[in-house]
Amino acid sequence: MKSIVAHGAHDLRIEEREMPSPGAGEVLVRIETGGVCGSDLHYYHNGGFGTVRLREPMILGHEVSGRIAALGAGVTGLSEGQRVAVSPSRPCRACRFCHAGAPNQCLNMRFYGSAMPFPHIQGAFREFLVADPAQCAPADDLSAGEAAMAEPLAVVLHAAARAGNLLGKRVLVTGCGPIGILAVLVARTAGAAEIVATDLTAFTLDMAARVGADHTVNVAETPDGLTPWTTDKGRFDVLFECSGAAPALAAAVPAMRPGGVVLQLGLGGDMTLPVQAMTAKELELRGSFRFHEEFFTAVEMMRRGRIDVKPLITQTVPLDEAEDAFRLASDRTRAIKAQIRFS
């Protein structure tokens, strides 16, 4: 089978790997679609992120959907030919964080396409993938592209749960890549009274407006564009910081009301924070990392029409042209979510 393998920065290869077969209690999934994520781009452009480096060739990818190709002995509840969204979250269920109800912090997490441990956890950008049935969310009434969006949507749903009740709140979203656009969608679905989105490109901001942002600010053109929301010590109740860029957070703090909540989703590297201003406003900084049970919630929300992710899928390219998907996903002037068609 063909797999998309990163050997280092800008060294992406389509390689033949051995065809897997499911054991007892496992399923074989024929992958249909995979979405290129920000972490995939870090491996592609930089060979890693922060202190995490590629130390061996690694199959990339963790946003995938496909159809059940075979069932291992004892598997029930799924059927051959059924379309599923495949969760990349595979906690050990035995460590202290799993027992405490925080599987996203699992000490032995096997998250697809991660160079954090060594040997690396190989990813899901391959034609066939052996998975646990518990990872597979039925998605027959979704397109393959929609089903592959369950992972980034789950990331945002986890962040929204950490933010608390958004009904009637004023919400600021900084960074309008796929996660930021999904944050706008989720905030609108959760009943936010006002949503403002900031970014550096007109294309991404147009998409934010299309899916529910009340106001957009191009901070490249108008660096002080958030000034109207800074009166009376600030207006925003919640910030979804999705850029991972220190200037975005620094510009947002004056517009946050005292006691507001900052949800940090962006992982662009270490950031210098305006701690003095955050302290004076008694802002709460809450990290948000991955997800677990929210994956099935994401699929269900899409199946019931609560969230429409179709506008976010801006390009789909065939497997043999996979590197084009990485180039497209890197260009925020024309792409939100670039996906790869495996079959």
Protein backbone atom coordinates (compact mmCIF):
# COMPACT_ATOMS: atom_id res chain seq x y z
CA MET A 1 0.00 0.00 0.00
CA LYS A 2 1.05 3.62 -0.52
CA SER A 3 1.88 5.84 2.46
CA ILE A 4 2.90 9.50 2.81
CA VAL A 5 6.18 9.57 4.73
CA ALA A 6 8.17 12.54 6.07
CA HIS A 7 11.93 12.02 6.19
CA GLY A 8 12.76 15.60 7.17
CA ALA A 9 11.96 19.18 6.28
CA HIS A 10 10.66 19.35 2.68
CA ASP A 11 11.48 15.66 2.23
CA LEU A 12 8.06 14.09 1.70
CA ARG A 13 7.85 10.75 -0.07
CA ILE A 14 5.08 8.42 -1.23
CA GLU A 15 6.36 4.99 -0.26
CA GLU A 16 5.15 1.42 -0.46
CA ARG A 17 4.56 -0.12 2.95
CA GLU A 18 3.42 -3.61 3.91
CA MET A 19 -0.32 -4.20 3.73
CA PRO A 20 -1.71 -4.69 7.27
CA SER A 21 -4.36 -7.16 8.38
CA PRO A 22 -6.66 -6.83 11.39
CA GLY A 23 -6.23 -9.05 14.41
CA ALA A 24 -8.93 -10.14 16.81
CA GLY A 25 -10.90 -7.15 18.03
CA GLU A 26 -9.56 -4.86 15.27
CA VAL A 27 -10.84 -3.47 11.98
CA LEU A 28 -9.13 -2.72 8.68
CA VAL A 29 -10.10 0.66 7.22
CA ARG A 30 -9.55 1.57 3.58
CA ILE A 31 -8.72 5.25 3.88
CA GLU A 32 -10.71 7.53 1.59
CA THR A 33 -9.74 11.07 2.62
CA GLY A 34 -7.16 12.75 4.84
CA GLY A 35 -6.88 16.41 5.84
CA VAL A 36 -3.55 18.23 6.15
CA CYS A 37 -3.25 19.67 9.67
CA GLY A 38 -1.03 22.39 11.10
CA SER A 39 1.13 19.81 12.85
CA ASP A 40 1.64 17.99 9.53
CA LEU A 41 2.83 21.30 8.10
CA HIS A 42 5.32 21.76 10.96
CA TYR A 43 6.86 18.38 10.11
CA TYR A 44 6.80 19.20 6.38
CA HIS A 45 8.36 22.66 6.62
CA ASN A 46 10.57 22.35 9.71
CA GLY A 47 11.03 18.66 10.47
CA GLY A 48 9.16 19.16 13.76
CA PHE A 49 8.02 21.89 16.13
CA GLY A 50 9.50 23.27 19.34
CA THR A 51 11.73 20.58 20.80
CA VAL A 52 9.92 17.81 18.89
CA ARG A 53 12.02 16.62 15.93
CA LEU A 54 11.74 13.85 13.39
CA ARG A 55 14.31 11.24 14.35
CA GLU A 56 13.17 8.57 11.90
CA PRO A 57 10.89 8.47 8.83
CA MET A 58 7.28 8.88 9.91
CA ILE A 59 3.95 8.45 8.15
CA LEU A 60 2.08 11.72 8.60
CA GLY A 61 -1.62 12.40 9.09
CA HIS A 62 -4.35 12.06 11.69
CA GLU A 63 -7.48 13.60 10.11
CA VAL A 64 -8.89 10.65 8.18
CA SER A 65 -12.04 8.84 7.13
CA GLY A 66 -12.59 5.64 5.20
CA ARG A 67 -14.64 2.49 4.79
CA ILE A 68 -14.41 -0.72 6.78
CA ALA A 69 -12.54 -3.21 4.58
CA ALA A 70 -12.42 -6.15 7.00
CA LEU A 71 -13.46 -7.07 10.54
CA GLY A 72 -11.25 -8.95 12.93
CA ALA A 73 -12.65 -11.80 15.02
CA GLY A 74 -15.13 -10.72 17.66
CA VAL A 75 -15.87 -7.24 16.26
CA THR A 76 -19.51 -6.21 16.44
CA GLY A 77 -21.39 -2.98 15.77
CA LEU A 78 -19.56 -2.21 12.51
CA SER A 79 -19.94 -3.70 9.05
CA GLU A 80 -17.81 -4.06 5.94
CA GLY A 81 -18.28 -1.21 3.52
CA GLN A 82 -19.44 1.19 6.23
CA ARG A 83 -17.96 4.70 6.16
CA VAL A 84 -16.32 5.79 9.42
CA ALA A 85 -14.43 8.76 10.78
CA VAL A 86 -11.32 7.42 12.53
CA SER A 87 -10.26 9.08 15.76
CA PRO A 88 -6.47 9.36 16.12
CA SER A 89 -6.79 9.52 19.92
CA ARG A 90 -5.63 6.22 21.42
CA PRO A 91 -5.01 6.63 25.17
CA CYS A 92 -3.72 3.70 27.21
CA ARG A 93 -6.72 3.80 29.61
CA ALA A 94 -4.39 2.65 32.40
CA CYS A 95 -2.32 5.68 33.48
CA ARG A 96 -3.28 8.14 36.22
CA PHE A 97 -4.59 10.74 33.77
CA CYS A 98 -6.80 8.22 31.99
CA HIS A 99 -8.14 7.10 35.37
CA ALA A 100 -8.74 10.75 36.32
CA GLY A 101 -10.91 11.33 33.24
CA ALA A 102 -8.29 13.24 31.23
CA PRO A 103 -7.38 10.79 28.46
CA ASN A 104 -6.12 13.63 26.26
CA GLN A 105 -3.24 13.92 28.77
CA CYS A 106 -2.49 10.18 28.68
CA LEU A 107 1.10 9.34 29.62
CA ASN A 108 1.21 6.64 26.93
CA MET A 109 -0.87 8.28 24.19
CA ARG A 110 -0.51 6.76 20.72
CA PHE A 111 -1.75 9.69 18.63
CA TYR A 112 -1.31 9.13 14.91
CA GLY A 113 1.57 10.95 13.26
CA SER A 114 3.39 12.11 16.38
CA ALA A 115 7.16 12.43 16.77
CA MET A 116 6.87 13.21 20.49
CA PRO A 117 7.81 9.65 21.54
CA PHE A 118 10.53 7.49 20.02
CA PRO A 119 9.98 5.29 18.13
CA HIS A 120 7.50 7.71 16.56
CA ILE A 121 3.80 6.96 16.35
CA GLN A 122 3.20 6.34 12.67
CA GLY A 123 0.34 8.31 11.11
CA ALA A 124 -2.80 7.54 9.13
CA PHE A 125 -1.91 8.86 5.67
CA ARG A 126 -1.86 5.40 4.14
CA GLU A 127 -4.21 3.43 1.95
CA PHE A 128 -5.13 0.94 4.67
CA LEU A 129 -5.13 1.37 8.44
CA VAL A 130 -5.74 -1.11 11.26
CA ALA A 131 -7.79 0.53 14.01
CA ASP A 132 -9.67 -0.28 17.18
CA PRO A 133 -13.46 -0.32 16.74
CA ALA A 134 -13.69 2.25 19.55
CA GLN A 135 -11.91 4.73 17.25
CA CYS A 136 -14.48 4.39 14.48
CA ALA A 137 -17.48 6.73 14.39
CA PRO A 138 -20.18 5.69 11.88
CA ALA A 139 -20.43 8.34 9.16
CA ASP A 140 -22.37 6.82 6.26
CA ASP A 141 -24.51 9.93 5.84
CA LEU A 142 -21.46 12.23 5.58
CA SER A 143 -19.12 12.66 2.65
CA ALA A 144 -15.59 11.33 3.11
CA GLY A 145 -14.32 14.91 3.28
CA GLU A 146 -16.81 15.91 5.98
CA ALA A 147 -16.00 12.80 8.03
CA ALA A 148 -12.29 13.65 7.89
CA MET A 149 -13.10 17.03 9.48
CA ALA A 150 -14.21 15.35 12.72
CA GLU A 151 -10.72 15.62 14.24
CA PRO A 152 -10.24 19.41 13.98
CA LEU A 153 -13.86 19.95 14.99
CA ALA A 154 -13.25 17.79 18.09
CA VAL A 155 -10.24 19.99 18.96
CA VAL A 156 -12.50 23.04 19.02
CA LEU A 157 -15.31 21.30 20.88
CA HIS A 158 -12.83 20.39 23.61
CA ALA A 159 -11.72 24.03 23.80
CA ALA A 160 -15.33 25.23 23.93
CA ALA A 161 -16.03 22.86 26.80
CA ARG A 162 -13.04 24.35 28.65
CA ALA A 163 -14.36 27.85 27.96
CA GLY A 164 -17.70 27.15 29.61
CA ASN A 165 -21.11 28.51 28.68
CA LEU A 166 -20.91 30.71 25.56
CA LEU A 167 -24.61 31.63 25.44
CA GLY A 168 -24.91 35.41 25.10
CA LYS A 169 -21.15 35.93 25.35
CA ARG A 170 -18.92 38.16 23.25
CA VAL A 171 -16.26 35.98 21.63
CA LEU A 172 -13.00 36.95 19.94
CA VAL A 173 -11.20 34.50 17.64
CA THR A 174 -7.59 35.28 16.69
CA GLY A 175 -6.22 33.30 13.75
CA CYS A 176 -8.59 32.08 11.04
CA GLY A 177 -7.00 28.87 9.88
CA PRO A 178 -9.17 25.72 10.05
CA ILE A 179 -9.25 25.74 13.88
CA GLY A 180 -10.15 29.43 14.06
CA ILE A 181 -12.93 29.09 11.46
CA LEU A 182 -14.29 26.08 13.35
CA ALA A 183 -14.15 28.14 16.57
CA VAL A 184 -16.40 30.71 14.88
CA LEU A 185 -18.81 27.94 13.85
CA VAL A 186 -18.88 26.39 17.32
CA ALA A 187 -19.31 29.74 19.09
CA ARG A 188 -22.22 30.60 16.79
CA THR A 189 -23.82 27.20 17.40
CA ALA A 190 -23.36 27.67 21.17
CA GLY A 191 -25.29 30.94 21.12
CA ALA A 192 -22.57 33.60 21.30
CA ALA A 193 -24.07 37.09 21.06
CA GLU A 194 -21.18 38.61 19.12
CA ILE A 195 -18.22 37.02 17.34
CA VAL A 196 -15.21 38.95 16.06
CA ALA A 197 -12.42 37.26 14.10
CA THR A 198 -8.94 38.55 13.31
CA ASP A 199 -6.35 37.35 10.81
CA LEU A 200 -3.78 38.57 8.30
CA THR A 201 -5.46 37.61 5.00
CA ALA A 202 -8.69 38.63 3.31
CA PHE A 203 -9.41 35.07 2.13
CA THR A 204 -9.55 33.57 5.63
CA LEU A 205 -11.50 36.51 7.02
CA ASP A 206 -14.06 36.22 4.23
CA MET A 207 -14.56 32.60 5.23
CA ALA A 208 -14.94 33.59 8.90
CA ALA A 209 -17.68 36.04 7.92
CA ARG A 210 -19.33 33.44 5.71
CA VAL A 211 -19.66 30.94 8.56
CA GLY A 212 -20.85 33.34 11.26
CA ALA A 213 -18.42 36.04 12.38
CA ASP A 214 -20.24 39.34 12.98
CA HIS A 215 -17.11 41.41 12.40
CA THR A 216 -13.69 40.66 10.93
CA VAL A 217 -10.44 42.59 11.37
CA ASN A 218 -7.46 42.33 9.06
CA VAL A 219 -4.71 43.14 11.54
CA ALA A 220 -2.11 43.32 8.78
CA GLU A 221 -3.96 46.29 7.31
CA THR A 222 -5.42 47.68 10.55
CA PRO A 223 -3.16 46.81 13.51
CA ASP A 224 -5.40 48.73 15.93
CA GLY A 225 -8.59 47.25 14.51
CA LEU A 226 -9.76 45.94 17.89
CA THR A 227 -9.83 49.44 19.43
CA PRO A 228 -13.67 49.70 19.33
CA TRP A 229 -13.86 46.74 21.73
CA THR A 230 -11.34 48.14 24.26
CA THR A 231 -13.67 50.74 25.85
CA ASP A 232 -14.56 50.43 29.53
CA LYS A 233 -11.70 47.96 30.16
CA GLY A 234 -12.69 45.69 27.28
CA ARG A 235 -15.72 43.88 25.91
CA PHE A 236 -14.89 40.26 25.11
CA ASP A 237 -15.80 37.48 27.53
CA VAL A 238 -13.86 34.71 25.78
CA LEU A 239 -10.85 34.61 23.47
CA PHE A 240 -10.11 31.59 21.30
CA GLU A 241 -6.43 32.21 20.46
CA CYS A 242 -5.86 29.98 17.43
CA SER A 243 -2.81 31.59 15.81
CA GLY A 244 -0.08 30.60 18.25
CA ALA A 245 1.43 34.06 17.64
CA ALA A 246 2.36 36.30 20.56
CA PRO A 247 1.34 39.54 18.77
CA ALA A 248 -2.19 38.22 18.31
CA LEU A 249 -2.60 37.54 22.02
CA ALA A 250 -0.99 40.84 23.01
CA ALA A 251 -3.36 42.77 20.74
CA ALA A 252 -6.37 40.89 22.15
CA VAL A 253 -5.73 41.50 25.85
CA PRO A 254 -6.83 45.20 25.85
CA ALA A 255 -10.16 44.12 24.33
CA MET A 256 -10.82 41.45 26.98
CA ARG A 257 -13.08 42.39 29.87
CA PRO A 258 -11.79 41.88 33.43
CA GLY A 259 -12.32 38.27 34.46
CA GLY A 260 -12.46 37.08 30.85
CA VAL A 261 -11.19 33.69 29.70
CA VAL A 262 -8.34 33.15 27.24
CA LEU A 263 -8.39 29.74 25.54
CA GLN A 264 -5.00 29.01 24.00
CA LEU A 265 -5.28 26.54 21.11
CA GLY A 266 -2.53 27.75 18.78
CA LEU A 267 0.77 25.88 19.11
CA GLY A 268 3.23 28.03 17.22
CA GLY A 269 6.02 27.71 19.78
CA ASP A 270 6.82 29.49 23.04
CA MET A 271 5.12 32.88 23.41
CA THR A 272 5.92 35.96 25.44
CA LEU A 273 2.73 36.94 27.28
CA PRO A 274 1.64 40.40 28.50
CA VAL A 275 1.47 39.04 32.02
CA GLN A 276 1.18 42.41 33.75
CA ALA A 277 -1.90 43.42 31.77
CA MET A 278 -3.41 39.94 32.11
CA THR A 279 -2.88 40.04 35.86
CA ALA A 280 -4.42 43.49 36.24
CA LYS A 281 -7.51 42.31 34.38
CA GLU A 282 -7.63 39.02 36.31
CA LEU A 283 -7.82 37.10 33.04
CA GLU A 284 -7.91 33.31 33.13
CA LEU A 285 -5.48 31.59 30.77
CA ARG A 286 -6.67 28.08 29.93
CA GLY A 287 -4.77 25.71 27.71
CA SER A 288 -6.63 23.34 25.42
CA PHE A 289 -4.86 20.25 24.08
CA ARG A 290 -6.31 17.66 21.74
CA PHE A 291 -9.60 15.95 22.73
CA HIS A 292 -11.02 12.46 23.23
CA GLU A 293 -14.75 11.87 23.70
CA GLU A 294 -15.51 15.04 21.72
CA PHE A 295 -14.63 13.17 18.51
CA PHE A 296 -17.91 11.24 18.46
CA THR A 297 -19.77 14.42 19.41
CA ALA A 298 -18.22 16.15 16.40
CA VAL A 299 -19.40 13.42 14.04
CA GLU A 300 -22.89 13.47 15.52
CA MET A 301 -23.12 17.26 15.20
CA MET A 302 -22.20 17.05 11.53
CA ARG A 303 -24.61 14.17 10.89
CA ARG A 304 -27.48 16.11 12.46
CA GLY A 305 -26.69 19.27 10.52
CA ARG A 306 -25.70 21.29 13.60
CA ILE A 307 -22.31 22.13 12.07
CA ASP A 308 -21.63 22.46 8.33
CA VAL A 309 -17.94 22.01 7.57
CA LYS A 310 -18.27 21.72 3.79
CA PRO A 311 -17.30 25.37 3.08
CA LEU A 312 -13.98 24.83 4.85
CA ILE A 313 -12.85 22.08 2.45
CA THR A 314 -11.26 24.26 -0.20
CA GLN A 315 -9.12 21.71 -2.10
CA THR A 316 -8.96 17.94 -2.55
CA VAL A 317 -6.02 16.41 -4.44
CA PRO A 318 -5.21 12.79 -5.38
CA LEU A 319 -2.72 10.75 -3.37
CA ASP A 320 -0.07 10.81 -6.10
CA GLU A 321 -0.05 14.62 -5.85
CA ALA A 322 -0.02 14.69 -2.05
CA GLU A 323 2.77 17.25 -1.75
CA ASP A 324 0.55 19.73 -3.59
CA ALA A 325 -1.92 19.44 -0.69
CA PHE A 326 0.84 20.44 1.74
CA ARG A 327 1.78 23.43 -0.42
CA LEU A 328 -1.86 24.48 -0.71
CA ALA A 329 -2.48 24.06 3.02
CA SER A 330 0.47 26.39 3.64
CA ASP A 331 -1.09 29.17 1.57
CA ARG A 332 -3.67 31.04 3.63
CA THR A 333 -4.51 33.29 0.68
CA ARG A 334 -6.38 30.44 -1.02
CA ALA A 335 -6.80 27.47 1.33
CA ILE A 336 -8.60 26.69 4.56
CA LYS A 337 -8.55 22.88 4.59
CA ALA A 338 -6.68 20.98 1.89
CA GLN A 339 -7.45 17.28 1.78
CA ILE A 340 -5.92 14.25 0.09
CA ARG A 341 -8.07 11.69 -1.73
CA PHE A 342 -6.75 8.19 -1.11
CA SER A 343 -9.50 6.20 -2.84
